[in-house]
Amino acid sequence: MKILEVVEASGGGVGRHVRGLCQDLILHGQQLTVAYSARRADEPFNQFLVDQQNEIRFVPLELGREISPREDARATFRLMHYIKQEGPFDIIHGHSAKGGAIARIAGRRFNIPTVYTPHGLIMSSPETSRPRAAIYTSIEYVLGQWATSRIIAVSEGEREFILELGLIPANRIVLIHNGLDDEYFSNFSEKNSREDLSRKPLTFGSIMRFDAAKGPGLLLEAFIRLSEALPQLPTRLVIAGDGELFAEIKRKVRTSGLDERILLLGWRADITRVLRDFDIFVVSSLREGGSYGTIEAMAAGLPIVSTEVFGTDETIARVPGNILVPVGDPDALANGMQRMATLSEPTSLRERLHRIGHSNRDYVFAHFKRSQTTRRTLEVYEQLCHDK
């Protein structure tokens, strides 16, 4: 098949999903073109462009996150021109809101079966105002009814939310979870579960894109409140990642009075090494489709405290010992972190955390393989081509 993947949010989890999917599709003998936002690409995605330049055709688009009628129209016409010149394509697959919108408009124009993966709808976030949510819902409804062959939801919660909004008929929604490649699981050896807290502070950690949806300020505030509640317990907070809110969070750390116990690593390529230094993984997100960070942390053998975003019902909620808290509430998140930090006496706490983490690893290994994600996505493509 000749496949066109379109992505605007080419960094973070969305970019990771597209990179992995494309690499697997090439191995399955598919012919790929990727249209992407050069402005939104992060370092891993830029490396992907270099590594795959002989296998995949890349088309840069001038796209930003916010709605811009002139800029978005220009990118849409550029994509349609490319399809006209280099097509026909058998399938178009758009990722995230902006990439999904221009992919579906172009697909409709040329009558090409078009798939859309939202990777977390903005309307699901409590930070989204009602007027803004109404605008996005209207756009998604029109595109869903008029120009979408299939929506792929990456979690059951996201699937139910799409149905609740009536964006598309139920028979055109497919649930396909995100997954990790087998090599990822081999990167982690057994952790030392008996190390005393007097030798190393209890480390709460997170890996995130520093934007509003991931709630970095919420995590910082929760850790400050945890430190006030448990002054006798040696703890620290380590966050890896970058983004538009990084400088703001860095300023807040300096004025928190806890700057010696809070470490912002910035962007890191060696994620497996970073995860090895954590005792507890924390997800502070306001919205997710299905968090890659969560399943990575579970595969790394870490217990998790997370907000109740989409995807948690199928992941950490299935393993006893993980803790879920309401979205957008720093007190609730701090309380969840405190509950995890006081599961047992300090001398045996790491051993207790290790047991939860080991169960997390076993669960993810059994249910979240990238090979399954790719196989099921390819089945969707093939069925649409057959139906056409």
Protein backbone atom coordinates (compact mmCIF):
# COMPACT_ATOMS: atom_id res chain seq x y z
CA MET A 1 0.00 0.00 0.00
CA LYS A 2 0.98 3.60 -0.55
CA ILE A 3 0.37 5.34 2.78
CA LEU A 4 0.49 9.02 3.76
CA GLU A 5 0.93 9.77 7.48
CA VAL A 6 0.20 13.38 8.53
CA VAL A 7 1.30 14.77 11.90
CA GLU A 8 1.45 18.28 13.31
CA ALA A 9 2.34 17.55 16.95
CA SER A 10 5.46 15.67 15.92
CA GLY A 11 7.11 15.80 19.35
CA GLY A 12 6.34 13.91 22.56
CA GLY A 13 4.08 10.88 22.61
CA VAL A 14 2.42 11.64 19.27
CA GLY A 15 5.76 11.86 17.52
CA ARG A 16 6.89 8.69 19.20
CA HIS A 17 3.76 6.88 18.05
CA VAL A 18 4.22 7.99 14.46
CA ARG A 19 7.93 7.07 14.45
CA GLY A 20 7.29 3.57 15.75
CA LEU A 21 4.32 2.97 13.45
CA CYS A 22 6.26 4.10 10.39
CA GLN A 23 9.32 1.99 11.22
CA ASP A 24 7.11 -1.08 11.58
CA LEU A 25 5.13 -0.37 8.41
CA ILE A 26 8.38 -0.16 6.44
CA LEU A 27 9.31 -3.60 7.79
CA HIS A 28 5.91 -4.83 6.56
CA GLY A 29 6.80 -3.68 3.04
CA GLN A 30 4.57 -0.59 2.87
CA GLN A 31 5.44 2.55 0.90
CA LEU A 32 5.39 5.57 3.21
CA THR A 33 5.26 9.34 3.01
CA VAL A 34 5.19 11.44 6.19
CA ALA A 35 3.92 15.04 6.14
CA TYR A 36 4.98 16.75 9.35
CA SER A 37 5.27 20.12 11.08
CA ALA A 38 8.93 21.13 10.98
CA ARG A 39 8.14 23.74 13.62
CA ARG A 40 6.87 21.18 16.16
CA ALA A 41 9.47 18.43 15.63
CA ASP A 42 11.59 17.55 18.66
CA GLU A 43 15.10 16.07 18.66
CA PRO A 44 13.99 12.40 18.41
CA PHE A 45 11.74 13.24 15.46
CA ASN A 46 14.52 15.16 13.71
CA GLN A 47 16.80 12.15 14.20
CA PHE A 48 14.03 9.98 12.74
CA LEU A 49 14.06 12.19 9.63
CA VAL A 50 17.78 11.58 9.22
CA ASP A 51 17.67 7.85 9.96
CA GLN A 52 14.73 7.11 7.63
CA GLN A 53 15.45 9.49 4.75
CA ASN A 54 16.25 6.60 2.39
CA GLU A 55 13.13 4.63 3.34
CA ILE A 56 10.44 7.31 3.80
CA ARG A 57 9.55 10.42 1.82
CA PHE A 58 9.17 13.44 4.12
CA VAL A 59 7.07 16.54 3.39
CA PRO A 60 7.57 19.51 5.76
CA LEU A 61 4.50 21.65 6.47
CA GLU A 62 4.34 25.08 8.10
CA LEU A 63 1.97 24.34 10.96
CA GLY A 64 1.65 25.58 14.55
CA ARG A 65 -0.45 24.37 17.47
CA GLU A 66 -3.06 27.12 17.57
CA ILE A 67 -5.74 27.60 14.92
CA SER A 68 -4.54 30.01 12.20
CA PRO A 69 -6.94 30.14 9.21
CA ARG A 70 -4.38 31.51 6.76
CA GLU A 71 -1.49 29.29 7.81
CA ASP A 72 -3.64 26.17 8.14
CA ALA A 73 -5.23 26.75 4.74
CA ARG A 74 -1.80 27.17 3.18
CA ALA A 75 -0.60 23.88 4.70
CA THR A 76 -3.76 22.10 3.58
CA PHE A 77 -3.35 23.31 -0.01
CA ARG A 78 0.32 22.29 0.04
CA LEU A 79 -0.67 18.81 1.18
CA MET A 80 -3.37 18.53 -1.50
CA HIS A 81 -0.90 19.70 -4.15
CA TYR A 82 1.55 17.02 -3.02
CA ILE A 83 -1.15 14.33 -3.16
CA LYS A 84 -2.12 15.44 -6.66
CA GLN A 85 1.51 15.39 -7.83
CA GLU A 86 2.72 12.23 -6.07
CA GLY A 87 -0.47 10.19 -5.63
CA PRO A 88 -2.61 8.29 -5.74
CA PHE A 89 -2.38 7.15 -2.10
CA ASP A 90 -4.28 4.17 -0.78
CA ILE A 91 -4.62 5.47 2.80
CA ILE A 92 -4.15 8.78 4.61
CA HIS A 93 -3.69 8.70 8.40
CA GLY A 94 -3.82 11.95 10.37
CA HIS A 95 -2.47 12.25 13.93
CA SER A 96 -3.55 14.78 16.61
CA ALA A 97 -6.09 17.55 16.07
CA LYS A 98 -4.35 19.74 13.47
CA GLY A 99 -2.72 16.89 11.57
CA GLY A 100 -5.99 14.98 11.65
CA ALA A 101 -7.95 17.96 10.32
CA ILE A 102 -5.81 18.70 7.27
CA ALA A 103 -5.39 14.98 6.53
CA ARG A 104 -9.15 14.46 6.50
CA ILE A 105 -9.86 17.53 4.37
CA ALA A 106 -7.28 16.36 1.82
CA GLY A 107 -8.56 12.79 1.98
CA ARG A 108 -12.11 13.96 1.31
CA ARG A 109 -10.95 16.10 -1.61
CA PHE A 110 -9.37 13.10 -3.36
CA ASN A 111 -11.78 10.43 -2.08
CA ILE A 112 -9.03 8.55 -0.24
CA PRO A 113 -9.90 6.45 2.85
CA THR A 114 -8.72 8.49 5.82
CA VAL A 115 -7.94 7.41 9.37
CA TYR A 116 -7.67 9.77 12.35
CA THR A 117 -5.95 9.17 15.71
CA PRO A 118 -6.61 12.09 18.12
CA HIS A 119 -4.05 11.07 20.79
CA GLY A 120 -6.08 13.00 23.38
CA LEU A 121 -8.94 15.36 22.48
CA ILE A 122 -8.54 18.88 23.83
CA MET A 123 -12.22 18.94 24.88
CA SER A 124 -11.50 16.30 27.55
CA SER A 125 -9.29 18.66 29.55
CA PRO A 126 -10.79 20.58 32.50
CA GLU A 127 -8.61 23.55 31.52
CA THR A 128 -10.50 23.98 28.22
CA SER A 129 -13.17 26.66 28.47
CA ARG A 130 -16.72 25.85 27.39
CA PRO A 131 -16.67 28.19 24.37
CA ARG A 132 -13.35 26.76 23.18
CA ALA A 133 -14.54 23.19 23.77
CA ALA A 134 -17.70 23.94 21.78
CA ILE A 135 -15.64 25.22 18.83
CA TYR A 136 -13.38 22.15 18.79
CA THR A 137 -16.34 19.81 19.22
CA SER A 138 -18.09 21.40 16.24
CA ILE A 139 -14.98 21.03 14.07
CA GLU A 140 -14.46 17.42 15.13
CA TYR A 141 -18.14 16.64 14.51
CA VAL A 142 -18.11 18.02 10.98
CA LEU A 143 -14.88 16.25 10.09
CA GLY A 144 -16.01 13.06 11.79
CA GLN A 145 -19.27 12.85 9.89
CA TRP A 146 -18.01 14.18 6.57
CA ALA A 147 -14.39 13.11 6.10
CA THR A 148 -13.37 10.28 8.45
CA SER A 149 -13.31 6.64 7.43
CA ARG A 150 -12.13 5.46 10.85
CA ILE A 151 -11.12 6.99 14.17
CA ILE A 152 -8.53 5.04 16.14
CA ALA A 153 -8.92 5.61 19.89
CA VAL A 154 -5.87 4.62 21.93
CA SER A 155 -7.85 3.97 25.12
CA GLU A 156 -11.34 2.87 26.10
CA GLY A 157 -11.92 6.19 27.87
CA GLU A 158 -11.12 8.10 24.70
CA ARG A 159 -13.42 5.82 22.68
CA GLU A 160 -16.31 6.39 25.11
CA PHE A 161 -15.70 10.16 25.07
CA ILE A 162 -15.88 10.24 21.26
CA LEU A 163 -19.15 8.30 21.36
CA GLU A 164 -20.54 10.57 24.08
CA LEU A 165 -19.89 13.62 21.91
CA GLY A 166 -21.38 11.87 18.88
CA LEU A 167 -18.38 12.73 16.71
CA ILE A 168 -18.69 9.61 14.56
CA PRO A 169 -20.88 6.47 14.41
CA ALA A 170 -19.77 3.63 16.69
CA ASN A 171 -19.04 1.30 13.78
CA ARG A 172 -16.32 3.68 12.58
CA ILE A 173 -14.34 3.74 15.85
CA VAL A 174 -11.55 1.23 16.46
CA LEU A 175 -9.76 0.78 19.80
CA ILE A 176 -6.01 0.15 19.42
CA HIS A 177 -3.78 0.65 22.45
CA ASN A 178 -0.30 2.14 22.26
CA GLY A 179 2.50 -0.37 22.71
CA LEU A 180 6.23 -0.75 23.38
CA ASP A 181 8.72 -2.73 21.32
CA ASP A 182 10.16 -5.90 22.86
CA GLU A 183 13.64 -4.40 23.11
CA TYR A 184 12.37 -1.76 25.54
CA PHE A 185 11.55 -4.39 28.18
CA SER A 186 15.08 -5.79 28.07
CA ASN A 187 16.57 -2.43 29.06
CA PHE A 188 15.62 -2.84 32.71
CA SER A 189 17.19 -5.21 35.19
CA GLU A 190 15.90 -5.96 38.66
CA LYS A 191 16.05 -2.91 40.93
CA ASN A 192 17.69 -3.03 44.35
CA SER A 193 14.58 -3.19 46.53
CA ARG A 194 16.31 -3.13 49.93
CA GLU A 195 18.25 0.14 49.73
CA ASP A 196 17.59 2.17 52.88
CA LEU A 197 16.13 5.66 52.58
CA SER A 198 19.01 6.99 54.69
CA ARG A 199 21.33 6.29 51.74
CA LYS A 200 19.20 7.75 48.96
CA PRO A 201 16.07 9.94 49.18
CA LEU A 202 12.78 8.55 47.94
CA THR A 203 12.64 9.78 44.36
CA PHE A 204 9.39 10.83 42.73
CA GLY A 205 9.93 11.21 39.01
CA SER A 206 8.17 12.12 35.81
CA ILE A 207 8.96 12.47 32.11
CA MET A 208 6.80 14.96 30.28
CA ARG A 209 6.45 17.65 27.68
CA PHE A 210 6.32 20.94 29.59
CA ASP A 211 2.95 22.23 28.43
CA ALA A 212 -0.37 22.91 30.12
CA ALA A 213 -1.89 19.53 29.25
CA LYS A 214 0.81 17.66 31.19
CA GLY A 215 0.37 19.72 34.36
CA PRO A 216 4.01 20.40 35.35
CA GLY A 217 2.92 23.18 37.70
CA LEU A 218 0.44 20.82 39.32
CA LEU A 219 3.20 18.27 39.99
CA LEU A 220 5.50 20.93 41.44
CA GLU A 221 2.78 22.20 43.78
CA ALA A 222 1.91 18.64 44.85
CA PHE A 223 5.53 17.92 45.75
CA ILE A 224 5.76 21.13 47.79
CA ARG A 225 2.66 20.08 49.76
CA LEU A 226 4.02 16.55 50.18
CA SER A 227 7.25 17.96 51.63
CA GLU A 228 5.24 20.02 54.11
CA ALA A 229 3.18 16.99 55.12
CA LEU A 230 6.19 14.63 55.53
CA PRO A 231 9.12 16.83 56.61
CA GLN A 232 10.86 13.86 58.24
CA LEU A 233 10.95 11.75 55.06
CA PRO A 234 13.91 12.32 52.70
CA THR A 235 12.36 12.89 49.26
CA ARG A 236 13.21 14.51 45.96
CA LEU A 237 11.45 15.28 42.67
CA VAL A 238 13.11 14.70 39.29
CA ILE A 239 11.43 15.73 36.01
CA ALA A 240 12.85 15.12 32.54
CA GLY A 241 11.50 16.96 29.51
CA ASP A 242 11.28 20.32 27.80
CA GLY A 243 8.64 22.62 26.35
CA GLU A 244 7.17 26.10 26.46
CA LEU A 245 6.55 26.03 30.23
CA PHE A 246 10.04 24.88 31.18
CA ALA A 247 11.41 28.35 32.00
CA GLU A 248 8.32 29.21 34.07
CA ILE A 249 8.55 25.98 36.10
CA LYS A 250 12.28 26.55 36.60
CA ARG A 251 11.53 29.99 38.09
CA LYS A 252 8.93 28.47 40.41
CA VAL A 253 11.45 25.86 41.59
CA ARG A 254 13.95 28.61 42.48
CA THR A 255 11.37 30.41 44.63
CA SER A 256 9.92 27.27 46.24
CA GLY A 257 12.59 26.91 48.90
CA LEU A 258 13.06 23.30 47.75
CA ASP A 259 15.41 23.87 44.81
CA GLU A 260 17.99 21.49 46.34
CA ARG A 261 15.40 18.67 46.27
CA ILE A 262 13.84 19.38 42.86
CA LEU A 263 15.83 18.57 39.74
CA LEU A 264 14.73 19.57 36.22
CA LEU A 265 16.79 17.54 33.78
CA GLY A 266 15.60 19.14 30.55
CA TRP A 267 15.28 17.04 27.43
CA ARG A 268 16.99 13.66 27.74
CA ALA A 269 17.60 10.96 25.15
CA ASP A 270 18.54 8.29 27.71
CA ILE A 271 15.03 7.78 29.11
CA THR A 272 15.70 4.25 30.33
CA ARG A 273 18.62 5.51 32.41
CA VAL A 274 16.48 8.31 33.86
CA LEU A 275 13.71 5.86 34.83
CA ARG A 276 16.20 3.63 36.67
CA ASP A 277 16.78 6.44 39.18
CA PHE A 278 13.09 6.79 40.07
CA ASP A 279 11.31 5.02 42.92
CA ILE A 280 7.79 6.26 42.07
CA PHE A 281 6.51 7.58 38.74
CA VAL A 282 3.99 10.44 38.82
CA VAL A 283 1.59 11.46 36.04
CA SER A 284 0.05 14.91 36.58
CA SER A 285 -1.65 15.26 33.18
CA LEU A 286 -4.93 17.10 32.67
CA ARG A 287 -5.65 15.08 29.52
CA GLU A 288 -4.23 12.09 27.68
CA GLY A 289 -5.35 9.73 24.95
CA GLY A 290 -3.27 6.86 26.29
CA SER A 291 0.00 7.88 27.93
CA TYR A 292 3.24 6.42 26.59
CA GLY A 293 4.95 7.70 29.73
CA THR A 294 2.70 5.52 31.88
CA ILE A 295 3.33 2.28 30.02
CA GLU A 296 7.06 3.06 29.83
CA ALA A 297 7.19 3.55 33.59
CA MET A 298 5.24 0.35 34.15
CA ALA A 299 7.64 -1.53 31.87
CA ALA A 300 10.50 -0.07 33.90
CA GLY A 301 9.05 -1.69 37.01
CA LEU A 302 7.87 1.48 38.74
CA PRO A 303 4.76 1.97 40.90
CA ILE A 304 2.64 4.88 39.70
CA VAL A 305 0.60 7.75 41.09
CA SER A 306 -1.52 9.26 38.33
CA THR A 307 -4.41 11.56 37.61
CA GLU A 308 -7.48 9.75 36.23
CA VAL A 309 -6.92 10.55 32.58
CA PHE A 310 -7.93 8.37 29.63
CA GLY A 311 -5.99 5.13 29.50
CA THR A 312 -5.55 4.60 33.24
CA ASP A 313 -8.51 2.20 33.39
CA GLU A 314 -6.67 -0.21 31.09
CA THR A 315 -3.22 0.23 32.66
CA ILE A 316 -2.44 1.16 36.25
CA ALA A 317 -5.97 0.58 37.53
CA ARG A 318 -5.56 -3.10 36.62
CA VAL A 319 -2.59 -3.58 38.97
CA PRO A 320 -3.07 -3.40 42.76
CA GLY A 321 -0.92 -0.83 44.52
CA ASN A 322 -0.95 1.97 41.94
CA ILE A 323 -2.83 5.11 42.97
CA LEU A 324 -5.29 7.18 40.94
CA VAL A 325 -6.37 10.71 41.92
CA PRO A 326 -8.76 13.31 40.44
CA VAL A 327 -7.51 15.50 37.59
CA GLY A 328 -6.35 19.06 38.27
CA ASP A 329 -6.23 18.90 42.08
CA PRO A 330 -2.77 19.46 43.65
CA ASP A 331 -4.01 18.43 47.10
CA ALA A 332 -5.32 15.12 45.73
CA LEU A 333 -2.07 14.49 43.86
CA ALA A 334 0.00 15.31 46.96
CA ASN A 335 -2.22 12.97 49.00
CA GLY A 336 -1.70 10.18 46.47
CA MET A 337 2.06 10.66 46.58
CA GLN A 338 1.93 10.64 50.40
CA ARG A 339 -0.06 7.40 50.42
CA MET A 340 2.52 5.76 48.16
CA ALA A 341 5.39 7.07 50.32
CA THR A 342 3.87 5.65 53.50
CA LEU A 343 2.88 2.18 52.35
CA SER A 344 5.27 0.68 54.88
CA GLU A 345 8.11 1.55 57.23
CA PRO A 346 11.04 3.38 55.59
CA THR A 347 13.32 0.36 55.98
CA SER A 348 11.04 -1.83 53.84
CA LEU A 349 9.35 0.79 51.64
CA ARG A 350 11.48 0.23 48.55
CA GLU A 351 10.86 -3.49 48.72
CA ARG A 352 7.09 -2.87 48.81
CA LEU A 353 7.33 -0.45 45.89
CA HIS A 354 9.38 -2.98 43.95
CA ARG A 355 6.64 -5.59 44.24
CA ILE A 356 4.07 -3.19 42.78
CA GLY A 357 6.46 -2.24 40.00
CA HIS A 358 7.19 -5.86 39.15
CA SER A 359 3.45 -6.49 38.72
CA ASN A 360 3.22 -3.40 36.49
CA ARG A 361 6.02 -4.71 34.30
CA ASP A 362 4.38 -8.13 33.91
CA TYR A 363 1.03 -6.58 33.02
CA VAL A 364 2.40 -4.22 30.35
CA PHE A 365 4.56 -6.95 28.83
CA ALA A 366 1.47 -9.09 28.38
CA HIS A 367 -0.88 -6.42 27.01
CA PHE A 368 1.00 -3.50 25.39
CA LYS A 369 3.26 -4.68 22.58
CA ARG A 370 4.04 -2.35 19.67
CA SER A 371 3.85 -5.27 17.27
CA GLN A 372 0.17 -5.68 18.20
CA THR A 373 -0.47 -1.95 17.72
CA THR A 374 1.06 -2.01 14.24
CA ARG A 375 -0.67 -5.24 13.22
CA ARG A 376 -4.11 -3.93 14.17
CA THR A 377 -3.49 -0.56 12.49
CA LEU A 378 -2.43 -2.32 9.32
CA GLU A 379 -5.61 -4.39 9.48
CA VAL A 380 -7.65 -1.16 9.55
CA TYR A 381 -5.79 0.13 6.48
CA GLU A 382 -6.27 -3.14 4.59
CA GLN A 383 -9.98 -3.33 5.40
CA LEU A 384 -10.58 0.24 4.18
CA CYS A 385 -8.71 -0.47 0.95
CA HIS A 386 -10.75 -3.66 0.49
CA ASP A 387 -14.04 -1.83 1.13
CA LYS A 388 -13.16 0.91 -1.32
